Amino acid sequence: MLLAATIFITGALVFYSIGVWGERIKGTLSPLWLAFFWAGLVCDTVGTAAMGRMAGGPFQLDFHGITGLLAILLMLVHAVWATAVLAGRHEKAMRSFHKFSLFVWLVWLVPYLSGMIFGMGSGS
């Protein structure tokens, strides 16, 4: 289960990073970047659920657990909002959406990195 969880969490990093940085480099939100946001969210949710099963519960009330929950909620808001912006063809929002995307990505990195650090520190 650890291997599967690690693969999904790493997939989340790859997909979400491609979406955020692709959008930023191209300068506009597009269906392609939206697909990467959703893929990152799905991978992160599946990987987090697998890690939770191994830890004996879905949520730990500690730094990693709180920041992880915040990150998943922000990723969900981000993906839903990006979907609405694209569906409504809001040109101005499509060109400036990358600012919010980068913020969410940076917040997401906190539990990703803390999970790696705490995981290595516990000998896992």
C-alpha atoms as a PDB file:
ATOM      1  CA  MET A   1       0.000   0.000   0.000  1.00  0.00           C
ATOM      2  CA  LEU A   2       2.921   2.356   0.676  1.00  0.00           C
ATOM      3  CA  LEU A   3       4.085   2.015  -2.926  1.00  0.00           C
ATOM      4  CA  ALA A   4       0.625   2.811  -4.312  1.00  0.00           C
ATOM      5  CA  ALA A   5       0.232   5.799  -1.984  1.00  0.00           C
ATOM      6  CA  THR A   6       3.669   7.101  -2.950  1.00  0.00           C
ATOM      7  CA  ILE A   7       2.907   6.709  -6.656  1.00  0.00           C
ATOM      8  CA  PHE A   8      -0.379   8.614  -6.306  1.00  0.00           C
ATOM      9  CA  ILE A   9       1.142  11.408  -4.210  1.00  0.00           C
ATOM     10  CA  THR A  10       4.002  11.724  -6.702  1.00  0.00           C
ATOM     11  CA  GLY A  11       1.435  11.741  -9.513  1.00  0.00           C
ATOM     12  CA  ALA A  12      -0.305  14.601  -7.754  1.00  0.00           C
ATOM     13  CA  LEU A  13       2.964  16.544  -7.663  1.00  0.00           C
ATOM     14  CA  VAL A  14       3.622  15.903 -11.353  1.00  0.00           C
ATOM     15  CA  PHE A  15       0.093  16.609 -12.625  1.00  0.00           C
ATOM     16  CA  TYR A  16      -0.522  19.643 -10.441  1.00  0.00           C
ATOM     17  CA  SER A  17       2.893  21.131 -11.201  1.00  0.00           C
ATOM     18  CA  ILE A  18       2.401  20.688 -14.948  1.00  0.00           C
ATOM     19  CA  GLY A  19      -1.010  22.345 -14.725  1.00  0.00           C
ATOM     20  CA  VAL A  20       0.114  25.278 -12.601  1.00  0.00           C
ATOM     21  CA  TRP A  21       3.382  25.974 -14.394  1.00  0.00           C
ATOM     22  CA  GLY A  22       1.953  25.292 -17.854  1.00  0.00           C
ATOM     23  CA  GLU A  23      -0.811  27.782 -17.187  1.00  0.00           C
ATOM     24  CA  ARG A  24       1.660  30.333 -15.854  1.00  0.00           C
ATOM     25  CA  ILE A  25       4.058  29.957 -18.790  1.00  0.00           C
ATOM     26  CA  LYS A  26       1.295  30.092 -21.433  1.00  0.00           C
ATOM     27  CA  GLY A  27      -0.363  33.001 -19.638  1.00  0.00           C
ATOM     28  CA  THR A  28      -3.904  31.693 -19.736  1.00  0.00           C
ATOM     29  CA  LEU A  29      -6.123  29.016 -18.308  1.00  0.00           C
ATOM     30  CA  SER A  30      -7.122  26.319 -20.791  1.00  0.00           C
ATOM     31  CA  PRO A  31      -8.926  22.960 -20.732  1.00  0.00           C
ATOM     32  CA  LEU A  32      -5.538  21.210 -20.807  1.00  0.00           C
ATOM     33  CA  TRP A  33      -4.355  22.876 -17.585  1.00  0.00           C
ATOM     34  CA  LEU A  34      -7.754  22.236 -16.019  1.00  0.00           C
ATOM     35  CA  ALA A  35      -7.381  18.524 -16.784  1.00  0.00           C
ATOM     36  CA  PHE A  36      -4.019  18.536 -15.001  1.00  0.00           C
ATOM     37  CA  PHE A  37      -5.560  20.304 -11.972  1.00  0.00           C
ATOM     38  CA  TRP A  38      -8.277  17.650 -11.704  1.00  0.00           C
ATOM     39  CA  ALA A  39      -5.780  14.798 -12.227  1.00  0.00           C
ATOM     40  CA  GLY A  40      -3.585  16.243  -9.477  1.00  0.00           C
ATOM     41  CA  LEU A  41      -6.546  16.537  -7.114  1.00  0.00           C
ATOM     42  CA  VAL A  42      -7.669  12.961  -7.791  1.00  0.00           C
ATOM     43  CA  CYS A  43      -4.148  11.584  -7.300  1.00  0.00           C
ATOM     44  CA  ASP A  44      -3.646  13.570  -4.111  1.00  0.00           C
ATOM     45  CA  THR A  45      -6.981  12.449  -2.682  1.00  0.00           C
ATOM     46  CA  VAL A  46      -6.355   8.778  -3.502  1.00  0.00           C
ATOM     47  CA  GLY A  47      -2.770   8.929  -2.196  1.00  0.00           C
ATOM     48  CA  THR A  48      -3.834  10.723   0.970  1.00  0.00           C
ATOM     49  CA  ALA A  49      -6.608   8.182   1.602  1.00  0.00           C
ATOM     50  CA  ALA A  50      -4.099   5.334   1.209  1.00  0.00           C
ATOM     51  CA  MET A  51      -1.654   7.028   3.578  1.00  0.00           C
ATOM     52  CA  GLY A  52      -4.514   7.548   6.047  1.00  0.00           C
ATOM     53  CA  ARG A  53      -5.367   3.848   5.980  1.00  0.00           C
ATOM     54  CA  MET A  54      -1.762   2.979   6.758  1.00  0.00           C
ATOM     55  CA  ALA A  55      -1.739   5.523   9.609  1.00  0.00           C
ATOM     56  CA  GLY A  56      -4.911   4.034  11.090  1.00  0.00           C
ATOM     57  CA  GLY A  57      -7.291   6.866  10.296  1.00  0.00           C
ATOM     58  CA  PRO A  58      -8.161   9.442   7.658  1.00  0.00           C
ATOM     59  CA  PHE A  59      -6.992  12.533   9.532  1.00  0.00           C
ATOM     60  CA  GLN A  60      -4.314  13.298  12.095  1.00  0.00           C
ATOM     61  CA  LEU A  61      -4.654  16.503  14.107  1.00  0.00           C
ATOM     62  CA  ASP A  62      -1.055  17.609  13.579  1.00  0.00           C
ATOM     63  CA  PHE A  63       0.814  20.018  11.296  1.00  0.00           C
ATOM     64  CA  HIS A  64       0.897  17.621   8.356  1.00  0.00           C
ATOM     65  CA  GLY A  65      -2.750  16.601   8.749  1.00  0.00           C
ATOM     66  CA  ILE A  66      -4.073  20.144   9.032  1.00  0.00           C
ATOM     67  CA  THR A  67      -2.000  21.523   6.145  1.00  0.00           C
ATOM     68  CA  GLY A  68      -2.855  18.447   4.054  1.00  0.00           C
ATOM     69  CA  LEU A  69      -6.582  18.931   4.596  1.00  0.00           C
ATOM     70  CA  LEU A  70      -6.249  22.639   3.802  1.00  0.00           C
ATOM     71  CA  ALA A  71      -4.331  21.805   0.610  1.00  0.00           C
ATOM     72  CA  ILE A  72      -6.921  19.304  -0.638  1.00  0.00           C
ATOM     73  CA  LEU A  73      -9.745  21.750   0.075  1.00  0.00           C
ATOM     74  CA  LEU A  74      -7.883  24.524  -1.762  1.00  0.00           C
ATOM     75  CA  MET A  75      -7.190  22.179  -4.679  1.00  0.00           C
ATOM     76  CA  LEU A  76     -10.904  21.373  -4.867  1.00  0.00           C
ATOM     77  CA  VAL A  77     -11.894  25.054  -4.773  1.00  0.00           C
ATOM     78  CA  HIS A  78      -9.189  25.765  -7.361  1.00  0.00           C
ATOM     79  CA  ALA A  79     -10.378  23.051  -9.772  1.00  0.00           C
ATOM     80  CA  VAL A  80     -14.063  23.958  -9.396  1.00  0.00           C
ATOM     81  CA  TRP A  81     -13.355  27.665  -9.842  1.00  0.00           C
ATOM     82  CA  ALA A  82     -11.143  26.980 -12.886  1.00  0.00           C
ATOM     83  CA  THR A  83     -13.956  24.889 -14.355  1.00  0.00           C
ATOM     84  CA  ALA A  84     -16.415  27.757 -13.828  1.00  0.00           C
ATOM     85  CA  VAL A  85     -14.023  30.320 -15.335  1.00  0.00           C
ATOM     86  CA  LEU A  86     -13.531  28.179 -18.438  1.00  0.00           C
ATOM     87  CA  ALA A  87     -17.202  27.291 -18.768  1.00  0.00           C
ATOM     88  CA  GLY A  88     -18.141  30.961 -18.546  1.00  0.00           C
ATOM     89  CA  ARG A  89     -15.329  31.957 -20.911  1.00  0.00           C
ATOM     90  CA  HIS A  90     -14.260  34.759 -18.605  1.00  0.00           C
ATOM     91  CA  GLU A  91     -11.289  36.023 -20.628  1.00  0.00           C
ATOM     92  CA  LYS A  92      -9.877  38.361 -17.981  1.00  0.00           C
ATOM     93  CA  ALA A  93     -10.097  35.695 -15.275  1.00  0.00           C
ATOM     94  CA  MET A  94      -8.533  33.127 -17.639  1.00  0.00           C
ATOM     95  CA  ARG A  95      -5.492  35.388 -18.068  1.00  0.00           C
ATOM     96  CA  SER A  96      -5.056  36.155 -14.352  1.00  0.00           C
ATOM     97  CA  PHE A  97      -6.062  32.790 -12.867  1.00  0.00           C
ATOM     98  CA  HIS A  98      -2.403  31.701 -12.648  1.00  0.00           C
ATOM     99  CA  LYS A  99      -1.937  33.907  -9.563  1.00  0.00           C
ATOM    100  CA  PHE A 100      -4.414  31.813  -7.582  1.00  0.00           C
ATOM    101  CA  SER A 101      -3.005  28.620  -9.103  1.00  0.00           C
ATOM    102  CA  LEU A 102       0.506  29.431  -7.900  1.00  0.00           C
ATOM    103  CA  PHE A 103      -0.782  30.242  -4.410  1.00  0.00           C
ATOM    104  CA  VAL A 104      -2.630  26.908  -4.167  1.00  0.00           C
ATOM    105  CA  TRP A 105       0.414  25.028  -5.501  1.00  0.00           C
ATOM    106  CA  LEU A 106       2.689  26.651  -2.891  1.00  0.00           C
ATOM    107  CA  VAL A 107       0.235  25.800  -0.101  1.00  0.00           C
ATOM    108  CA  TRP A 108       0.059  22.222  -1.444  1.00  0.00           C
ATOM    109  CA  LEU A 109       3.851  21.908  -1.279  1.00  0.00           C
ATOM    110  CA  VAL A 110       3.814  22.396   2.513  1.00  0.00           C
ATOM    111  CA  PRO A 111       2.128  19.061   3.363  1.00  0.00           C
ATOM    112  CA  TYR A 112       3.916  17.342   0.472  1.00  0.00           C
ATOM    113  CA  LEU A 113       7.312  18.349   1.846  1.00  0.00           C
ATOM    114  CA  SER A 114       6.342  17.858   5.499  1.00  0.00           C
ATOM    115  CA  GLY A 115       5.118  14.361   4.650  1.00  0.00           C
ATOM    116  CA  MET A 116       8.471  13.556   3.100  1.00  0.00           C
ATOM    117  CA  ILE A 117      10.390  15.035   6.036  1.00  0.00           C
ATOM    118  CA  PHE A 118       8.241  13.434   8.739  1.00  0.00           C
ATOM    119  CA  GLY A 119       8.169  10.152   6.817  1.00  0.00           C
ATOM    120  CA  MET A 120      11.943  10.020   6.540  1.00  0.00           C
ATOM    121  CA  GLY A 121      12.311  11.011  10.179  1.00  0.00           C
ATOM    122  CA  SER A 122      10.102   8.139  11.328  1.00  0.00           C
ATOM    123  CA  GLY A 123      12.121   5.596   9.387  1.00  0.00           C
ATOM    124  CA  SER A 124       9.276   4.841   6.922  1.00  0.00           C
END
